[in-house]
Amino acid sequence: MYNSTHPSLRYRINWILQGRTRSGERGMPLGQQLLYQLLMLLITATVMYPILWIVSLSFDPRNISRPTTLRLNPFAGGASLKAYTEVIKQPTPNPVSLGRLMLNSLGLAAGVGIASIGIGVFAAYAFSRRRFAGRQVLMILVLTVLMLPAIVTLPALFVLLNKVQVTLAGATFNLRNSLLGVGLAVLSTQLPFSIWNMKGYLDTIPKELEESAMIDGCTPNTAFFKVTLPLSTPVLAVTFFLGFMGTWTEFAISWLFLTDPQNFTLMMALYNMVGQYSESTPWSNFAAMAILIALPVTLIYLFIQRWFVGGLAIGGVKG
C-alpha cells in the first residue's frame, strides 16, 4: 500500500498536476481538463434535456392538451402506453394507419437514398477521373445548385411534374400527386450534394490502383466495380444516410404535392396532429409519434456509424 511519501506516488501526482501522461509526455493541464469536462457535461445536459422531456411526455397517461410543467421522470405519477397504441392504430383523423405512413416514408427515403448514390457515384467518378470539355463549368453548376435553397425550385418542379401523366399497371395518375413525383423532386435537391461529396472522396483513391487492375487484364468498367467502388464504401454509406435522413424528415415538397391521404408521409401526419391552437393538440400522442419517427433513422445511423466520420470528413474537404 502506498503512502504519501512513496516516490512513485509523488511522481504520479506531479505528472497529473503538470498534465503529463504515463509516458512522461506533456499533456493537458488538470485545470484545463476539468474545464473541458464541465463544458462537455453542459452540452450533454442541453442535448438530453428536451429528449428526456419528450420521452416523459409520451408516457404521460393524461395526454394533456397544454403541458405546463416539465417532468423528466416518465414514471412519475404513473406511465402508460396509451399514446403509443393510439398512434399506431390511427395517428390522425385521416383514414390511414401508421403502418401505411411508415411504408410511404420508408419507400420514399430508401428510394431517394439509393438513387442518390446510384446516379451520383457515376457522375462523381466522371468528374474525378475524366478530363473533358466543360468539366469545370459543370462542376461549378453542380456547386451552384447545391448552394440554392431547395424551396426555390418548388414552383418549377410543381408545374413541370403536374403536366406529366403516368400509366402504370393499367392505372393512370398525375406524377406530381404521387410518391414517385415527390421522390423525383427530392432527388433533384439531393443529387448535387451526393455528386460533390463523393467526388471529393474519389479524389483520395489513387488512380494507380485502377491502372494496376487494368494491367492485370481488367477493363475500365471492371476496375471501377472491383477496385474503386469497394474502396468507396464509407462515402457511399454516408451519402445514402444523408439522403435517407433528408427525405425521411422532408415536409415542404410532400405537403405541396400530395393530396391523397393514402400517399401521406410521417412528417405530414405529424403536422396534421397539431391543432389550430396549442390547447387542441394531443401532446402525448404527438410526443409518441415523434419518437416513433426518430427510431428508424437512429437505427440506421447506429448501423453505419463506423463509416460516417471518415466518409463525411474526407468527402467534405477534398475536391
Protein backbone atom coordinates (compact mmCIF):
# COMPACT_ATOMS: atom_id res chain seq x y z
CA MET A 1 0.00 0.00 0.00
CA TYR A 2 1.37 3.42 -0.99
CA ASN A 3 1.75 6.27 1.46
CA SER A 4 2.13 9.98 0.79
CA THR A 5 5.93 9.79 0.82
CA HIS A 6 6.32 6.98 -1.68
CA PRO A 7 8.38 8.26 -4.66
CA SER A 8 6.21 6.55 -7.30
CA LEU A 9 3.04 8.10 -5.89
CA ARG A 10 4.63 11.57 -5.71
CA TYR A 11 5.77 11.29 -9.34
CA ARG A 12 2.27 10.31 -10.49
CA ILE A 13 0.68 13.20 -8.61
CA ASN A 14 3.18 15.62 -10.13
CA TRP A 15 2.53 14.24 -13.61
CA ILE A 16 -1.23 14.73 -13.18
CA LEU A 17 -0.82 18.27 -11.88
CA GLN A 18 1.57 19.10 -14.72
CA GLY A 19 -0.70 17.47 -17.32
CA ARG A 20 1.72 14.68 -18.22
CA THR A 21 0.80 11.22 -19.48
CA ARG A 22 2.21 7.95 -18.13
CA SER A 23 4.90 8.02 -20.80
CA GLY A 24 6.04 11.40 -19.47
CA GLU A 25 4.82 13.39 -22.48
CA ARG A 26 3.35 16.83 -21.98
CA GLY A 27 -0.43 16.63 -21.91
CA MET A 28 -3.36 18.83 -20.96
CA PRO A 29 -3.14 20.51 -17.51
CA LEU A 30 -5.57 19.25 -14.89
CA GLY A 31 -7.44 22.55 -14.66
CA GLN A 32 -7.99 22.63 -18.41
CA GLN A 33 -9.16 19.02 -18.38
CA LEU A 34 -11.74 19.83 -15.70
CA LEU A 35 -12.93 22.87 -17.64
CA TYR A 36 -13.43 20.82 -20.81
CA GLN A 37 -15.20 18.07 -18.89
CA LEU A 38 -17.61 20.57 -17.35
CA LEU A 39 -18.23 22.03 -20.80
CA MET A 40 -18.98 18.58 -22.23
CA LEU A 41 -21.37 17.85 -19.34
CA LEU A 42 -23.17 21.13 -20.00
CA ILE A 43 -23.53 20.32 -23.70
CA THR A 44 -24.76 16.80 -22.88
CA ALA A 45 -27.36 18.15 -20.47
CA THR A 46 -28.53 20.71 -23.04
CA VAL A 47 -28.96 17.99 -25.68
CA MET A 48 -30.51 15.34 -23.42
CA TYR A 49 -32.96 17.60 -21.58
CA PRO A 50 -35.51 18.02 -24.42
CA ILE A 51 -35.13 14.34 -25.37
CA LEU A 52 -35.93 13.21 -21.81
CA TRP A 53 -38.85 15.63 -21.71
CA ILE A 54 -40.39 14.34 -24.94
CA VAL A 55 -39.96 10.72 -23.80
CA SER A 56 -41.59 11.53 -20.46
CA LEU A 57 -44.44 13.34 -22.20
CA SER A 58 -45.10 10.33 -24.46
CA PHE A 59 -45.70 8.12 -21.40
CA ASP A 60 -47.93 10.67 -19.64
CA PRO A 61 -51.36 8.97 -19.23
CA ARG A 62 -53.18 12.33 -19.00
CA ASN A 63 -52.50 13.25 -22.66
CA ILE A 64 -52.87 16.87 -21.61
CA SER A 65 -53.51 19.44 -24.30
CA ARG A 66 -51.29 22.08 -22.75
CA PRO A 67 -48.28 20.87 -20.72
CA THR A 68 -47.32 23.47 -18.15
CA THR A 69 -44.75 21.51 -16.14
CA LEU A 70 -41.58 19.72 -17.15
CA ARG A 71 -41.37 16.15 -15.94
CA LEU A 72 -38.17 14.28 -16.76
CA ASN A 73 -39.10 11.04 -14.97
CA PRO A 74 -41.52 9.17 -17.28
CA PHE A 75 -42.77 7.02 -14.37
CA ALA A 76 -43.59 9.89 -12.01
CA GLY A 77 -47.35 9.95 -11.48
CA GLY A 78 -47.81 6.75 -13.46
CA ALA A 79 -46.87 5.77 -17.00
CA SER A 80 -48.99 4.49 -19.84
CA LEU A 81 -48.53 3.20 -23.38
CA LYS A 82 -51.91 4.57 -24.41
CA ALA A 83 -50.40 7.28 -26.59
CA TYR A 84 -48.32 4.73 -28.50
CA THR A 85 -51.26 2.37 -29.07
CA GLU A 86 -53.45 5.21 -30.33
CA VAL A 87 -50.73 6.48 -32.66
CA ILE A 88 -50.00 3.02 -34.06
CA LYS A 89 -53.70 2.39 -34.71
CA GLN A 90 -54.52 5.74 -36.36
CA PRO A 91 -52.35 8.77 -35.64
CA THR A 92 -54.62 11.38 -37.28
CA PRO A 93 -58.32 11.72 -38.21
CA ASN A 94 -57.34 10.81 -41.77
CA PRO A 95 -58.23 7.17 -42.61
CA VAL A 96 -54.62 5.98 -42.78
CA SER A 97 -52.68 3.80 -40.34
CA LEU A 98 -49.19 4.32 -39.01
CA GLY A 99 -48.02 1.25 -40.93
CA ARG A 100 -49.13 2.80 -44.21
CA LEU A 101 -47.45 6.09 -43.36
CA MET A 102 -44.29 4.25 -42.36
CA LEU A 103 -44.20 2.32 -45.65
CA ASN A 104 -44.72 5.52 -47.64
CA SER A 105 -41.89 7.34 -45.87
CA LEU A 106 -39.61 4.29 -45.90
CA GLY A 107 -40.08 3.66 -49.60
CA LEU A 108 -39.61 7.32 -50.42
CA ALA A 109 -36.50 7.77 -48.26
CA ALA A 110 -34.87 4.49 -49.29
CA GLY A 111 -35.59 5.13 -52.96
CA VAL A 112 -34.05 8.61 -52.87
CA GLY A 113 -31.07 7.37 -50.84
CA ILE A 114 -30.33 4.52 -53.25
CA ALA A 115 -30.87 6.69 -56.35
CA SER A 116 -28.65 9.46 -54.97
CA ILE A 117 -25.69 7.08 -54.68
CA GLY A 118 -26.57 5.00 -57.75
CA ILE A 119 -26.67 8.03 -60.05
CA GLY A 120 -24.31 10.28 -58.14
CA VAL A 121 -21.37 7.87 -57.97
CA PHE A 122 -21.10 7.68 -61.77
CA ALA A 123 -21.21 11.46 -62.15
CA ALA A 124 -18.72 11.84 -59.30
CA TYR A 125 -16.39 9.29 -60.89
CA ALA A 126 -16.53 11.12 -64.22
CA PHE A 127 -15.66 14.43 -62.54
CA SER A 128 -12.88 12.80 -60.53
CA ARG A 129 -11.19 10.68 -63.18
CA ARG A 130 -12.07 12.06 -66.61
CA ARG A 131 -10.90 15.25 -68.29
CA PHE A 132 -13.42 16.51 -70.85
CA ALA A 133 -14.63 19.77 -72.33
CA GLY A 134 -16.86 21.71 -69.97
CA ARG A 135 -15.83 19.75 -66.90
CA GLN A 136 -15.06 22.81 -64.77
CA VAL A 137 -18.24 24.58 -65.88
CA LEU A 138 -20.39 21.57 -65.00
CA MET A 139 -18.73 21.25 -61.59
CA ILE A 140 -19.44 24.92 -60.87
CA LEU A 141 -23.06 24.45 -61.96
CA VAL A 142 -23.44 21.49 -59.60
CA LEU A 143 -21.97 23.56 -56.78
CA THR A 144 -24.28 26.47 -57.65
CA VAL A 145 -27.36 24.25 -57.45
CA LEU A 146 -26.08 22.90 -54.14
CA MET A 147 -25.92 26.43 -52.73
CA LEU A 148 -29.53 27.26 -53.69
CA PRO A 149 -32.26 26.65 -51.07
CA ALA A 150 -34.38 23.66 -52.03
CA ILE A 151 -37.56 25.68 -51.58
CA VAL A 152 -36.59 27.89 -54.53
CA THR A 153 -37.09 25.03 -57.00
CA LEU A 154 -40.59 24.07 -55.81
CA PRO A 155 -42.66 26.23 -58.19
CA ALA A 156 -40.80 24.96 -61.26
CA LEU A 157 -40.96 21.33 -60.08
CA PHE A 158 -44.67 21.65 -59.31
CA VAL A 159 -45.53 22.98 -62.76
CA LEU A 160 -43.26 20.50 -64.56
CA LEU A 161 -44.42 17.35 -62.75
CA ASN A 162 -48.06 18.44 -62.80
CA LYS A 163 -48.04 18.17 -66.61
CA VAL A 164 -46.86 14.56 -66.63
CA GLN A 165 -49.39 11.72 -66.68
CA VAL A 166 -48.02 8.25 -65.94
CA THR A 167 -49.71 4.95 -66.77
CA LEU A 168 -48.53 2.08 -64.61
CA ALA A 169 -50.15 -1.37 -64.31
CA GLY A 170 -53.23 -0.10 -66.10
CA ALA A 171 -53.68 2.90 -63.79
CA THR A 172 -53.09 6.48 -64.86
CA PHE A 173 -52.04 9.07 -62.31
CA ASN A 174 -50.59 12.53 -62.18
CA LEU A 175 -46.85 12.41 -61.46
CA ARG A 176 -46.99 15.46 -59.20
CA ASN A 177 -49.67 13.95 -56.98
CA SER A 178 -47.72 10.76 -56.28
CA LEU A 179 -44.86 9.49 -54.14
CA LEU A 180 -42.86 8.90 -57.33
CA GLY A 181 -43.13 12.58 -58.22
CA VAL A 182 -42.15 13.62 -54.69
CA GLY A 183 -39.18 11.26 -54.91
CA LEU A 184 -38.02 12.81 -58.19
CA ALA A 185 -38.37 16.30 -56.75
CA VAL A 186 -36.43 15.43 -53.60
CA LEU A 187 -33.79 13.60 -55.64
CA SER A 188 -33.17 16.74 -57.69
CA THR A 189 -32.20 18.53 -54.46
CA GLN A 190 -30.12 15.63 -53.09
CA LEU A 191 -28.04 14.80 -56.18
CA PRO A 192 -25.81 17.92 -56.19
CA PHE A 193 -24.58 17.21 -52.66
CA SER A 194 -24.16 13.50 -53.41
CA ILE A 195 -22.07 14.19 -56.50
CA TRP A 196 -19.86 16.77 -54.81
CA ASN A 197 -19.34 14.73 -51.65
CA MET A 198 -18.49 11.50 -53.48
CA LYS A 199 -16.27 13.30 -55.97
CA GLY A 200 -14.12 14.60 -53.11
CA TYR A 201 -13.76 11.10 -51.70
CA LEU A 202 -12.93 9.51 -55.05
CA ASP A 203 -10.14 12.05 -55.48
CA THR A 204 -8.39 10.46 -52.47
CA ILE A 205 -8.32 6.97 -54.07
CA PRO A 206 -5.07 6.56 -56.07
CA LYS A 207 -5.55 6.12 -59.80
CA GLU A 208 -2.64 3.67 -59.76
CA LEU A 209 -4.90 1.03 -58.21
CA GLU A 210 -7.17 1.07 -61.24
CA GLU A 211 -4.20 1.14 -63.60
CA SER A 212 -2.70 -1.91 -61.88
CA ALA A 213 -6.01 -3.74 -62.22
CA MET A 214 -6.17 -2.91 -65.95
CA ILE A 215 -2.59 -4.15 -66.41
CA ASP A 216 -3.75 -7.44 -64.88
CA GLY A 217 -6.48 -7.70 -67.51
CA CYS A 218 -9.42 -5.73 -66.11
CA THR A 219 -11.44 -3.42 -68.32
CA PRO A 220 -12.01 0.16 -67.09
CA ASN A 221 -15.54 -0.76 -66.03
CA THR A 222 -14.36 -3.87 -64.18
CA ALA A 223 -11.65 -1.87 -62.43
CA PHE A 224 -14.27 0.62 -61.28
CA PHE A 225 -16.65 -2.03 -59.94
CA LYS A 226 -13.99 -4.32 -58.47
CA VAL A 227 -11.49 -1.79 -57.11
CA THR A 228 -12.79 1.76 -56.79
CA LEU A 229 -16.37 1.06 -55.75
CA PRO A 230 -15.49 -1.26 -52.81
CA LEU A 231 -12.98 1.33 -51.55
CA SER A 232 -15.74 3.94 -51.66
CA THR A 233 -17.94 2.13 -49.12
CA PRO A 234 -17.58 4.83 -46.41
CA VAL A 235 -18.72 7.69 -48.61
CA LEU A 236 -21.48 5.57 -50.16
CA ALA A 237 -22.81 4.77 -46.69
CA VAL A 238 -22.65 8.41 -45.60
CA THR A 239 -24.28 9.71 -48.78
CA PHE A 240 -27.07 7.15 -48.52
CA PHE A 241 -27.71 8.01 -44.88
CA LEU A 242 -27.84 11.75 -45.52
CA GLY A 243 -30.16 11.24 -48.48
CA PHE A 244 -32.34 8.89 -46.43
CA MET A 245 -32.48 11.25 -43.45
CA GLY A 246 -33.16 14.31 -45.58
CA THR A 247 -36.07 12.57 -47.33
CA TRP A 248 -37.37 10.95 -44.13
CA THR A 249 -37.77 14.37 -42.49
CA GLU A 250 -38.84 16.19 -45.68
CA PHE A 251 -42.11 18.09 -45.36
CA ALA A 252 -42.43 21.05 -47.73
CA ILE A 253 -42.42 19.13 -51.04
CA SER A 254 -44.73 16.40 -49.77
CA TRP A 255 -47.18 18.90 -48.32
CA LEU A 256 -47.29 20.90 -51.55
CA PHE A 257 -47.50 17.94 -53.95
CA LEU A 258 -49.65 15.27 -52.27
CA THR A 259 -53.43 15.39 -51.73
CA ASP A 260 -54.38 11.72 -51.23
CA PRO A 261 -54.13 10.69 -47.52
CA GLN A 262 -53.02 7.21 -48.61
CA ASN A 263 -49.84 8.80 -50.00
CA PHE A 264 -49.11 10.94 -46.96
CA THR A 265 -45.77 10.65 -45.17
CA LEU A 266 -44.96 10.51 -41.47
CA MET A 267 -43.97 14.17 -41.33
CA MET A 268 -47.29 15.18 -42.91
CA ALA A 269 -49.16 13.08 -40.34
CA LEU A 270 -47.15 14.64 -37.51
CA TYR A 271 -48.11 18.09 -38.76
CA ASN A 272 -51.77 17.05 -39.01
CA MET A 273 -51.72 16.19 -35.30
CA VAL A 274 -51.19 19.86 -34.45
CA GLY A 275 -54.49 21.61 -33.82
CA GLN A 276 -55.41 25.17 -34.64
CA TYR A 277 -54.38 26.17 -31.13
CA SER A 278 -51.99 24.57 -28.64
CA GLU A 279 -54.93 23.52 -26.42
CA SER A 280 -56.31 21.31 -29.20
CA THR A 281 -53.09 19.31 -29.72
CA PRO A 282 -52.79 15.87 -28.01
CA TRP A 283 -49.23 16.37 -26.85
CA SER A 284 -48.67 12.86 -25.52
CA ASN A 285 -49.70 11.40 -28.86
CA PHE A 286 -47.56 13.99 -30.63
CA ALA A 287 -44.54 13.03 -28.49
CA ALA A 288 -45.09 9.31 -29.10
CA MET A 289 -45.35 9.91 -32.84
CA ALA A 290 -42.16 11.97 -32.84
CA ILE A 291 -40.26 9.17 -31.08
CA LEU A 292 -41.54 6.53 -33.49
CA ILE A 293 -40.46 8.70 -36.42
CA ALA A 294 -36.96 9.17 -34.98
CA LEU A 295 -36.31 5.46 -34.28
CA PRO A 296 -35.63 4.22 -37.86
CA VAL A 297 -33.11 6.99 -38.57
CA THR A 298 -31.39 6.30 -35.25
CA LEU A 299 -31.09 2.58 -36.00
CA ILE A 300 -29.68 3.22 -39.47
CA TYR A 301 -27.14 5.65 -38.06
CA LEU A 302 -26.01 3.11 -35.43
CA PHE A 303 -25.53 0.58 -38.22
CA ILE A 304 -23.34 2.81 -40.42
CA GLN A 305 -21.63 4.97 -37.79
CA ARG A 306 -18.27 3.23 -38.28
CA TRP A 307 -18.13 4.70 -41.80
CA PHE A 308 -19.82 8.00 -41.03
CA VAL A 309 -16.99 10.17 -39.69
CA GLY A 310 -14.38 9.13 -42.25
CA GLY A 311 -16.70 9.28 -45.24
CA LEU A 312 -18.17 12.66 -44.35
CA ALA A 313 -14.87 14.31 -43.37
CA ILE A 314 -12.83 13.15 -46.34
CA GLY A 315 -15.58 13.72 -48.89
CA GLY A 316 -16.32 17.15 -47.50
CA VAL A 317 -12.80 18.62 -47.56
CA LYS A 318 -11.35 17.15 -50.75
CA GLY A 319 -12.22 18.24 -54.25
